[in-house]
Protein backbone atom coordinates (compact mmCIF):
# COMPACT_ATOMS: atom_id res chain seq x y z
CA MET A 1 22.86 -60.82 34.90
CA SER A 2 19.72 -60.11 36.68
CA GLU A 3 20.01 -56.39 36.60
CA GLU A 4 20.18 -56.69 32.90
CA LYS A 5 17.05 -58.80 32.85
CA GLU A 6 15.17 -56.22 35.04
CA LYS A 7 16.36 -53.35 32.79
CA LYS A 8 14.82 -55.50 29.66
CA SER A 9 11.95 -56.24 31.45
CA TRP A 10 11.16 -52.58 32.34
CA GLN A 11 12.13 -51.54 29.07
CA ASP A 12 9.54 -54.08 27.80
CA THR A 13 6.92 -52.86 30.13
CA ALA A 14 7.39 -49.24 28.91
CA SER A 15 7.51 -50.19 25.47
CA ASP A 16 4.23 -52.35 25.63
CA TRP A 17 2.55 -49.58 27.37
CA LEU A 18 3.63 -46.88 24.95
CA PHE A 19 2.62 -49.28 21.92
CA SER A 20 -0.99 -49.50 23.54
CA ILE A 21 -1.41 -45.71 24.29
CA ILE A 22 -0.47 -45.21 20.64
CA ILE A 23 -2.94 -47.62 19.49
CA ALA A 24 -5.79 -46.47 21.45
CA VAL A 25 -5.00 -42.62 20.70
CA VAL A 26 -5.43 -43.80 16.83
CA LEU A 27 -8.54 -45.80 17.46
CA ALA A 28 -9.92 -43.05 19.26
CA LEU A 29 -9.05 -40.39 16.63
CA GLY A 30 -10.21 -42.73 14.00
CA ILE A 31 -13.82 -43.36 15.54
CA ARG A 32 -14.46 -39.42 16.12
CA THR A 33 -13.42 -38.62 12.68
CA PHE A 34 -15.37 -41.14 10.83
CA LEU A 35 -18.05 -42.93 12.91
CA VAL A 36 -19.23 -41.01 15.71
CA GLU A 37 -18.92 -37.85 17.51
CA PRO A 38 -20.22 -36.00 20.90
CA TYR A 39 -21.90 -32.96 20.56
CA MET A 40 -23.56 -30.42 22.74
CA VAL A 41 -26.51 -28.32 21.92
CA SER A 42 -26.04 -24.84 22.30
CA GLY A 43 -28.91 -22.85 22.22
CA PRO A 44 -33.04 -22.67 21.88
CA SER A 45 -33.23 -23.41 18.16
CA MET A 46 -34.17 -26.96 18.39
CA ARG A 47 -36.69 -26.62 21.28
CA PRO A 48 -38.76 -28.64 22.47
CA THR A 49 -37.00 -31.48 20.52
CA LEU A 50 -33.53 -30.67 22.21
CA GLN A 51 -32.86 -28.63 24.98
CA ASN A 52 -29.80 -26.14 25.56
CA GLU A 53 -26.81 -28.15 26.97
CA GLU A 54 -27.90 -31.58 25.98
CA ARG A 55 -25.23 -33.81 24.83
CA LEU A 56 -25.74 -36.05 21.81
CA ILE A 57 -23.97 -38.94 19.66
CA VAL A 58 -23.48 -37.65 16.15
CA ASN A 59 -23.26 -40.59 13.53
CA LYS A 60 -20.83 -39.77 11.02
CA LEU A 61 -20.87 -42.84 9.00
CA VAL A 62 -24.30 -42.64 8.03
CA TYR A 63 -23.86 -39.94 5.55
CA TYR A 64 -20.72 -41.73 3.81
CA LEU A 65 -23.55 -44.21 2.61
CA ARG A 66 -26.36 -41.85 1.97
CA GLU A 67 -27.52 -38.38 2.01
CA PRO A 68 -29.50 -36.44 4.46
CA GLN A 69 -33.17 -37.54 4.32
CA ARG A 70 -36.32 -35.06 5.34
CA GLY A 71 -37.03 -34.79 8.88
CA GLU A 72 -33.28 -35.94 10.06
CA ILE A 73 -31.94 -33.66 12.60
CA ILE A 74 -28.10 -33.09 11.48
CA VAL A 75 -25.20 -31.29 12.70
CA PHE A 76 -23.23 -29.30 10.13
CA LYS A 77 -20.51 -26.67 9.86
CA ASP A 78 -21.87 -22.84 9.81
CA PRO A 79 -21.82 -21.94 5.80
CA SER A 80 -20.78 -18.31 6.95
CA ASP A 81 -18.42 -19.45 9.44
CA THR A 82 -16.96 -23.19 9.33
CA ARG A 83 -15.42 -23.03 12.92
CA ARG A 84 -18.97 -23.08 14.07
CA ASP A 85 -21.39 -25.83 14.18
CA PHE A 86 -25.17 -25.83 13.83
CA ILE A 87 -27.97 -28.44 14.49
CA LYS A 88 -31.17 -28.44 12.31
CA ARG A 89 -33.55 -30.49 11.04
CA VAL A 90 -33.63 -31.06 7.49
CA ILE A 91 -36.83 -29.95 5.78
CA ALA A 92 -36.06 -30.02 2.00
CA VAL A 93 -33.41 -31.97 0.09
CA GLY A 94 -31.78 -31.34 -3.62
CA GLY A 95 -34.58 -31.09 -6.37
CA ASP A 96 -37.46 -30.17 -3.91
CA THR A 97 -39.48 -27.11 -3.70
CA ILE A 98 -40.10 -25.26 -0.67
CA GLU A 99 -42.53 -22.59 0.67
CA ILE A 100 -43.48 -21.51 3.79
CA ARG A 101 -46.77 -19.48 4.11
CA ASP A 102 -49.60 -18.84 6.59
CA GLY A 103 -47.62 -20.74 9.11
CA LYS A 104 -47.28 -23.76 7.09
CA THR A 105 -44.28 -25.54 5.57
CA PHE A 106 -44.86 -26.59 2.14
CA VAL A 107 -42.60 -29.33 0.13
CA ASN A 108 -43.10 -30.24 -3.33
CA GLY A 109 -46.79 -28.63 -2.94
CA GLU A 110 -47.70 -30.50 -0.04
CA ALA A 111 -47.91 -29.31 3.63
CA ILE A 112 -45.48 -31.46 5.94
CA ASP A 113 -46.90 -32.25 9.48
CA GLU A 114 -44.80 -30.41 11.70
CA SER A 115 -45.90 -31.41 15.19
CA TYR A 116 -42.37 -31.18 16.66
CA ILE A 117 -42.23 -27.02 16.41
CA LYS A 118 -42.54 -25.16 19.40
CA GLU A 119 -45.01 -22.87 18.64
CA PRO A 120 -46.41 -21.17 15.37
CA PHE A 121 -44.28 -18.87 13.23
CA HIS A 122 -45.39 -16.06 11.21
CA THR A 123 -42.91 -15.42 8.72
CA ASN A 124 -43.33 -16.53 4.95
CA TYR A 125 -40.54 -17.76 2.59
CA GLY A 126 -41.16 -17.53 -0.99
CA LYS A 127 -41.11 -20.74 -3.11
CA VAL A 128 -37.40 -21.62 -4.19
CA THR A 129 -36.14 -25.10 -5.36
CA VAL A 130 -33.31 -26.81 -3.39
CA PRO A 131 -30.10 -27.18 -5.75
CA LYS A 132 -28.77 -30.75 -6.17
CA GLY A 133 -26.04 -31.43 -3.46
CA PHE A 134 -27.69 -28.95 -0.99
CA ILE A 135 -30.13 -29.01 1.70
CA PHE A 136 -32.59 -26.65 3.44
CA VAL A 137 -32.85 -27.07 7.17
CA MET A 138 -34.77 -25.12 9.72
CA GLY A 139 -34.59 -25.44 13.78
CA ASP A 140 -37.78 -26.77 15.32
CA ASN A 141 -38.14 -23.51 17.47
CA ARG A 142 -38.90 -21.46 14.42
CA ASN A 143 -39.19 -17.99 16.02
CA ASN A 144 -35.72 -18.39 17.33
CA SER A 145 -33.79 -20.15 14.79
CA GLU A 146 -30.61 -19.08 12.56
CA ASP A 147 -31.39 -21.40 9.58
CA SER A 148 -31.75 -21.80 5.60
CA ARG A 149 -34.47 -18.88 5.56
CA TYR A 150 -31.87 -16.35 6.28
CA ALA A 151 -28.86 -15.30 3.77
CA ASP A 152 -26.07 -16.18 6.05
CA VAL A 153 -26.87 -19.70 6.35
CA GLY A 154 -29.08 -20.55 3.28
CA PHE A 155 -29.09 -23.63 1.25
CA VAL A 156 -26.45 -26.19 3.15
CA ASP A 157 -23.87 -27.70 0.78
CA LEU A 158 -23.64 -31.49 1.53
CA SER A 159 -20.04 -31.23 2.11
CA LEU A 160 -20.59 -29.01 5.41
CA VAL A 161 -22.80 -32.00 6.83
CA LYS A 162 -21.05 -33.64 9.87
CA GLY A 163 -23.55 -36.37 10.72
CA LYS A 164 -26.73 -37.42 11.56
CA ALA A 165 -27.74 -36.72 15.70
CA SER A 166 -28.73 -40.16 16.75
CA VAL A 167 -28.98 -40.13 20.48
CA VAL A 168 -29.12 -37.77 23.61
CA PHE A 169 -27.28 -39.49 26.12
CA TRP A 170 -27.10 -36.49 28.93
CA PRO A 171 -28.70 -35.76 30.76
CA PHE A 172 -29.39 -39.13 31.23
CA SER A 173 -33.05 -38.84 32.46
CA GLU A 174 -33.30 -37.33 29.04
CA PHE A 175 -32.00 -40.44 27.11
CA LYS A 176 -33.54 -40.90 23.80
CA ALA A 177 -33.22 -41.89 20.23
CA LEU A 178 -33.67 -39.17 17.73
CA PRO A 179 -35.60 -39.73 14.30
């Protein structure tokens, strides 16, 4: 009889462990799918704000509640290859007009403060209106960024936005909240 009790006990323990592991996996997948996701910066396009190989927490929940806003740093799927992700700053949203001339960016006719950019940039971009349901994004390192100024990225459909970059968590010495 004690052998049966030991078998049941072993089976109960194994069952408890299996149930706990399944719950942990479901919770982890749910959190990563709907709430937050880690992301690693790849490349120099967001310097000096973000450095290559920094690790971020991307808040996915925020854009279930509202659309991206000007100035936010976002992660989105590359429109020309949705297997790749990009990280850029939102410069204009649907309905805004944007123009870049003489090293300044104008949104709705007003020059915006871009104290975060790495160095002056020299490309111009003709006046356009961002369609509803889309955003216009650029990297902070304007001279080394593949962004909405280029046809392969262009205006970014809101359905491609994965989330808002919220926190740099690695390296720990660079820990900071993002705007």
